[in-house]
Amino acid sequence: MADFKETIPLGELPPGTSTTIEVDGVSVALFNVNGTIYAISDSCLHAGHSLGYGVLEGHVVRCRGHGWRFDVQTGLVVGAEIGVPCYAAKVEGETILVAIA
C-alpha cells in the first residue's frame, strides 16, 4: 500500500497551475489539470530543469529549458517511450497527498 504524505493545501494549486515540492527528500512537480492532481519527478531528463516551473498546456508540461514535453499523467516524454517517475497523488479534505514509491 502506498505511503501518502501530506504536502500543500489544494488552494495553493489552482486548476491550470503547477509547483514544486519535496516529499521524503525527492523533488516533485505537482500539477492541477481541471481539478485532478498529478505528480511526477521535477527534473527534466534532458538537462535537469524544473518541470514544476514548466509551461502547463492541458495534460502536457513543456520544460522551460529546452522544450521537452512530458505527459503529467504518465511522466512520459510525448511521442517517446522514456520518461520521469510518476507518483500517486490524491486530495483528502483540502490537502494534497503524494506517495513516493
N, C-alpha and C. Protein backbone atom coordinates (compact mmCIF):
# COMPACT_ATOMS: atom_id res chain seq x y z
N MET A 1 0.84 -1.18 0.00
CA MET A 1 0.00 0.00 0.00
C MET A 1 0.89 1.25 0.00
N ALA A 2 0.47 2.24 -0.75
CA ALA A 2 1.24 3.48 -0.88
C ALA A 2 1.27 4.25 0.45
N ASP A 3 2.42 4.84 0.73
CA ASP A 3 2.60 5.64 1.93
C ASP A 3 2.45 7.12 1.55
N PHE A 4 1.23 7.63 1.62
CA PHE A 4 0.95 9.01 1.23
C PHE A 4 1.41 9.99 2.30
N LYS A 5 2.03 11.09 1.84
CA LYS A 5 2.49 12.15 2.73
C LYS A 5 1.73 13.43 2.42
N GLU A 6 1.35 14.17 3.46
CA GLU A 6 0.69 15.47 3.27
C GLU A 6 1.70 16.44 2.66
N THR A 7 1.22 17.25 1.70
CA THR A 7 2.12 18.22 1.07
C THR A 7 1.59 19.63 1.28
N ILE A 8 0.83 20.16 0.32
CA ILE A 8 0.36 21.54 0.39
C ILE A 8 -1.16 21.59 0.35
N PRO A 9 -1.75 22.69 0.79
CA PRO A 9 -3.19 22.84 0.67
C PRO A 9 -3.60 22.92 -0.81
N LEU A 10 -4.71 22.31 -1.14
CA LEU A 10 -5.23 22.33 -2.50
C LEU A 10 -5.39 23.76 -3.02
N GLY A 11 -5.76 24.69 -2.15
CA GLY A 11 -5.94 26.08 -2.54
C GLY A 11 -4.68 26.75 -3.07
N GLU A 12 -3.51 26.17 -2.77
CA GLU A 12 -2.25 26.73 -3.27
C GLU A 12 -1.92 26.26 -4.68
N LEU A 13 -2.77 25.38 -5.25
CA LEU A 13 -2.53 24.85 -6.59
C LEU A 13 -3.82 24.90 -7.39
N PRO A 14 -4.23 26.09 -7.82
CA PRO A 14 -5.48 26.23 -8.58
C PRO A 14 -5.40 25.48 -9.91
N PRO A 15 -6.55 25.15 -10.51
CA PRO A 15 -6.55 24.49 -11.81
C PRO A 15 -5.72 25.26 -12.84
N GLY A 16 -4.95 24.50 -13.63
CA GLY A 16 -4.12 25.09 -14.66
C GLY A 16 -2.76 25.54 -14.20
N THR A 17 -2.40 25.22 -12.94
CA THR A 17 -1.11 25.66 -12.40
C THR A 17 -0.26 24.46 -11.99
N SER A 18 1.00 24.76 -11.70
CA SER A 18 1.93 23.73 -11.22
C SER A 18 2.85 24.34 -10.19
N THR A 19 3.54 23.48 -9.46
CA THR A 19 4.50 23.92 -8.46
C THR A 19 5.48 22.79 -8.20
N THR A 20 6.47 23.07 -7.38
CA THR A 20 7.45 22.07 -6.99
C THR A 20 7.44 21.93 -5.47
N ILE A 21 7.48 20.69 -5.01
CA ILE A 21 7.52 20.39 -3.58
C ILE A 21 8.59 19.34 -3.33
N GLU A 22 8.84 19.05 -2.07
CA GLU A 22 9.74 17.96 -1.73
C GLU A 22 8.98 16.96 -0.86
N VAL A 23 9.09 15.68 -1.20
CA VAL A 23 8.45 14.61 -0.43
C VAL A 23 9.52 13.55 -0.15
N ASP A 24 9.79 13.30 1.10
CA ASP A 24 10.80 12.32 1.50
C ASP A 24 12.12 12.53 0.78
N GLY A 25 12.54 13.79 0.63
CA GLY A 25 13.81 14.11 0.01
C GLY A 25 13.81 14.07 -1.52
N VAL A 26 12.64 13.85 -2.11
CA VAL A 26 12.51 13.78 -3.57
C VAL A 26 11.82 15.05 -4.07
N SER A 27 12.40 15.68 -5.08
CA SER A 27 11.79 16.87 -5.68
C SER A 27 10.67 16.42 -6.63
N VAL A 28 9.46 16.93 -6.37
CA VAL A 28 8.26 16.50 -7.10
C VAL A 28 7.59 17.71 -7.73
N ALA A 29 7.16 17.56 -8.99
CA ALA A 29 6.37 18.57 -9.67
C ALA A 29 4.91 18.20 -9.53
N LEU A 30 4.10 19.13 -9.03
CA LEU A 30 2.65 18.92 -8.87
C LEU A 30 1.92 19.74 -9.92
N PHE A 31 0.85 19.17 -10.47
CA PHE A 31 0.04 19.82 -11.49
C PHE A 31 -1.44 19.66 -11.16
N ASN A 32 -2.21 20.71 -11.40
CA ASN A 32 -3.66 20.66 -11.26
C ASN A 32 -4.24 20.84 -12.65
N VAL A 33 -4.77 19.76 -13.21
CA VAL A 33 -5.37 19.78 -14.54
C VAL A 33 -6.88 19.60 -14.36
N ASN A 34 -7.61 20.69 -14.49
CA ASN A 34 -9.07 20.65 -14.36
C ASN A 34 -9.53 19.99 -13.06
N GLY A 35 -8.81 20.24 -11.98
CA GLY A 35 -9.21 19.71 -10.67
C GLY A 35 -8.60 18.37 -10.31
N THR A 36 -7.89 17.73 -11.24
CA THR A 36 -7.21 16.47 -10.96
C THR A 36 -5.73 16.77 -10.71
N ILE A 37 -5.19 16.20 -9.64
CA ILE A 37 -3.80 16.45 -9.25
C ILE A 37 -2.91 15.33 -9.78
N TYR A 38 -1.79 15.72 -10.40
CA TYR A 38 -0.79 14.78 -10.90
C TYR A 38 0.56 15.12 -10.30
N ALA A 39 1.39 14.10 -10.11
CA ALA A 39 2.72 14.29 -9.53
C ALA A 39 3.74 13.47 -10.32
N ILE A 40 4.81 14.15 -10.76
CA ILE A 40 5.90 13.48 -11.46
C ILE A 40 7.22 14.03 -10.91
N SER A 41 8.31 13.38 -11.26
CA SER A 41 9.62 13.90 -10.88
C SER A 41 9.78 15.31 -11.42
N ASP A 42 10.43 16.16 -10.66
CA ASP A 42 10.57 17.56 -11.05
C ASP A 42 11.72 17.80 -12.02
N SER A 43 12.55 16.81 -12.26
CA SER A 43 13.77 17.01 -13.04
C SER A 43 13.64 16.50 -14.47
N CYS A 44 13.73 17.41 -15.45
CA CYS A 44 13.69 17.06 -16.87
C CYS A 44 14.85 16.11 -17.19
N LEU A 45 14.59 15.12 -18.02
CA LEU A 45 15.62 14.16 -18.41
C LEU A 45 16.74 14.80 -19.20
N HIS A 46 16.45 15.83 -19.95
CA HIS A 46 17.43 16.41 -20.86
C HIS A 46 18.54 17.16 -20.13
N ALA A 47 18.17 18.11 -19.30
CA ALA A 47 19.21 18.91 -18.63
C ALA A 47 18.89 19.19 -17.17
N GLY A 48 17.90 18.51 -16.62
CA GLY A 48 17.60 18.65 -15.20
C GLY A 48 16.80 19.86 -14.79
N HIS A 49 16.24 20.60 -15.76
CA HIS A 49 15.43 21.77 -15.41
C HIS A 49 14.16 21.35 -14.67
N SER A 50 13.60 22.26 -13.90
CA SER A 50 12.39 22.01 -13.12
C SER A 50 11.16 21.90 -14.03
N LEU A 51 10.45 20.77 -13.92
CA LEU A 51 9.20 20.62 -14.67
C LEU A 51 8.05 21.32 -13.96
N GLY A 52 8.16 21.48 -12.65
CA GLY A 52 7.12 22.17 -11.91
C GLY A 52 7.02 23.65 -12.27
N TYR A 53 8.07 24.18 -12.86
CA TYR A 53 8.06 25.56 -13.32
C TYR A 53 8.00 25.64 -14.84
N GLY A 54 7.60 24.52 -15.46
CA GLY A 54 7.41 24.49 -16.90
C GLY A 54 6.09 25.13 -17.29
N VAL A 55 5.77 25.03 -18.58
CA VAL A 55 4.53 25.59 -19.11
C VAL A 55 3.51 24.47 -19.24
N LEU A 56 2.42 24.55 -18.49
CA LEU A 56 1.39 23.52 -18.49
C LEU A 56 0.34 23.84 -19.56
N GLU A 57 0.15 22.88 -20.47
CA GLU A 57 -0.84 23.00 -21.55
C GLU A 57 -1.69 21.74 -21.54
N GLY A 58 -2.84 21.78 -20.87
CA GLY A 58 -3.65 20.57 -20.71
C GLY A 58 -2.92 19.58 -19.85
N HIS A 59 -2.73 18.35 -20.38
CA HIS A 59 -2.03 17.29 -19.65
C HIS A 59 -0.54 17.25 -19.98
N VAL A 60 -0.03 18.27 -20.66
CA VAL A 60 1.37 18.27 -21.08
C VAL A 60 2.09 19.47 -20.46
N VAL A 61 3.28 19.19 -19.91
CA VAL A 61 4.12 20.27 -19.40
C VAL A 61 5.34 20.37 -20.31
N ARG A 62 5.65 21.59 -20.70
CA ARG A 62 6.81 21.85 -21.55
C ARG A 62 7.92 22.42 -20.68
N CYS A 63 9.07 21.75 -20.70
CA CYS A 63 10.22 22.21 -19.93
C CYS A 63 10.68 23.56 -20.48
N ARG A 64 10.92 24.50 -19.59
CA ARG A 64 11.37 25.83 -20.00
C ARG A 64 12.81 25.81 -20.51
N GLY A 65 13.57 24.79 -20.16
CA GLY A 65 14.97 24.72 -20.56
C GLY A 65 15.16 24.52 -22.06
N HIS A 66 14.61 23.44 -22.59
CA HIS A 66 14.83 23.11 -23.99
C HIS A 66 13.57 22.63 -24.69
N GLY A 67 12.42 22.78 -24.05
CA GLY A 67 11.15 22.49 -24.71
C GLY A 67 10.69 21.05 -24.71
N TRP A 68 11.37 20.17 -24.01
CA TRP A 68 10.88 18.78 -23.95
C TRP A 68 9.49 18.79 -23.34
N ARG A 69 8.60 17.94 -23.86
CA ARG A 69 7.21 17.89 -23.42
C ARG A 69 6.91 16.56 -22.74
N PHE A 70 6.31 16.63 -21.54
CA PHE A 70 6.01 15.45 -20.73
C PHE A 70 4.51 15.38 -20.46
N ASP A 71 3.95 14.18 -20.55
CA ASP A 71 2.56 13.96 -20.16
C ASP A 71 2.53 13.83 -18.64
N VAL A 72 1.83 14.73 -17.96
CA VAL A 72 1.82 14.72 -16.50
C VAL A 72 1.05 13.52 -15.93
N GLN A 73 0.26 12.85 -16.76
CA GLN A 73 -0.48 11.68 -16.31
C GLN A 73 0.40 10.44 -16.20
N THR A 74 1.47 10.39 -17.01
CA THR A 74 2.32 9.21 -17.07
C THR A 74 3.79 9.49 -16.79
N GLY A 75 4.21 10.74 -16.95
CA GLY A 75 5.62 11.09 -16.82
C GLY A 75 6.41 10.86 -18.10
N LEU A 76 5.78 10.33 -19.14
CA LEU A 76 6.47 10.03 -20.39
C LEU A 76 6.67 11.26 -21.26
N VAL A 77 7.79 11.29 -21.97
CA VAL A 77 8.02 12.31 -22.98
C VAL A 77 7.00 12.07 -24.08
N VAL A 78 6.32 13.12 -24.54
CA VAL A 78 5.31 12.98 -25.58
C VAL A 78 5.95 12.39 -26.83
N GLY A 79 5.38 11.28 -27.32
CA GLY A 79 5.86 10.62 -28.52
C GLY A 79 7.06 9.72 -28.32
N ALA A 80 7.42 9.44 -27.07
CA ALA A 80 8.59 8.60 -26.80
C ALA A 80 8.26 7.56 -25.73
N GLU A 81 9.15 6.64 -25.55
CA GLU A 81 8.98 5.59 -24.53
C GLU A 81 9.85 5.83 -23.30
N ILE A 82 10.37 7.05 -23.17
CA ILE A 82 11.17 7.38 -21.99
C ILE A 82 10.42 8.42 -21.17
N GLY A 83 10.75 8.52 -19.91
CA GLY A 83 10.07 9.50 -19.08
C GLY A 83 10.67 9.60 -17.70
N VAL A 84 10.00 10.36 -16.87
CA VAL A 84 10.40 10.56 -15.49
C VAL A 84 9.44 9.78 -14.59
N PRO A 85 9.84 9.49 -13.36
CA PRO A 85 8.94 8.79 -12.45
C PRO A 85 7.62 9.56 -12.24
N CYS A 86 6.56 8.79 -12.14
CA CYS A 86 5.21 9.32 -11.91
C CYS A 86 4.78 8.82 -10.53
N TYR A 87 4.21 9.68 -9.71
CA TYR A 87 3.85 9.33 -8.34
C TYR A 87 2.35 9.41 -8.13
N ALA A 88 1.85 8.61 -7.21
CA ALA A 88 0.43 8.65 -6.85
C ALA A 88 0.13 9.94 -6.09
N ALA A 89 -0.96 10.58 -6.46
CA ALA A 89 -1.39 11.81 -5.78
C ALA A 89 -2.89 11.76 -5.56
N LYS A 90 -3.33 12.35 -4.45
CA LYS A 90 -4.75 12.42 -4.16
C LYS A 90 -5.01 13.61 -3.25
N VAL A 91 -6.28 13.94 -3.12
CA VAL A 91 -6.70 15.03 -2.24
C VAL A 91 -7.58 14.45 -1.14
N GLU A 92 -7.25 14.80 0.08
CA GLU A 92 -8.08 14.43 1.24
C GLU A 92 -8.43 15.72 1.94
N GLY A 93 -9.73 15.99 2.03
CA GLY A 93 -10.17 17.25 2.60
C GLY A 93 -9.69 18.37 1.69
N GLU A 94 -8.81 19.21 2.19
CA GLU A 94 -8.26 20.32 1.41
C GLU A 94 -6.74 20.20 1.27
N THR A 95 -6.21 18.97 1.46
CA THR A 95 -4.77 18.76 1.42
C THR A 95 -4.39 17.79 0.31
N ILE A 96 -3.31 18.12 -0.41
CA ILE A 96 -2.78 17.24 -1.45
C ILE A 96 -1.80 16.27 -0.81
N LEU A 97 -1.97 15.00 -1.10
CA LEU A 97 -1.08 13.94 -0.59
C LEU A 97 -0.39 13.29 -1.77
N VAL A 98 0.89 12.91 -1.56
CA VAL A 98 1.68 12.28 -2.61
C VAL A 98 2.41 11.09 -2.00
N ALA A 99 2.50 10.00 -2.78
CA ALA A 99 3.23 8.81 -2.36
C ALA A 99 4.44 8.61 -3.28
N ILE A 100 5.61 8.53 -2.70
CA ILE A 100 6.84 8.25 -3.44
C ILE A 100 7.07 6.75 -3.30
N ALA A 101 7.01 6.02 -4.38
CA ALA A 101 7.24 4.56 -4.43
C ALA A 101 6.04 3.83 -4.94
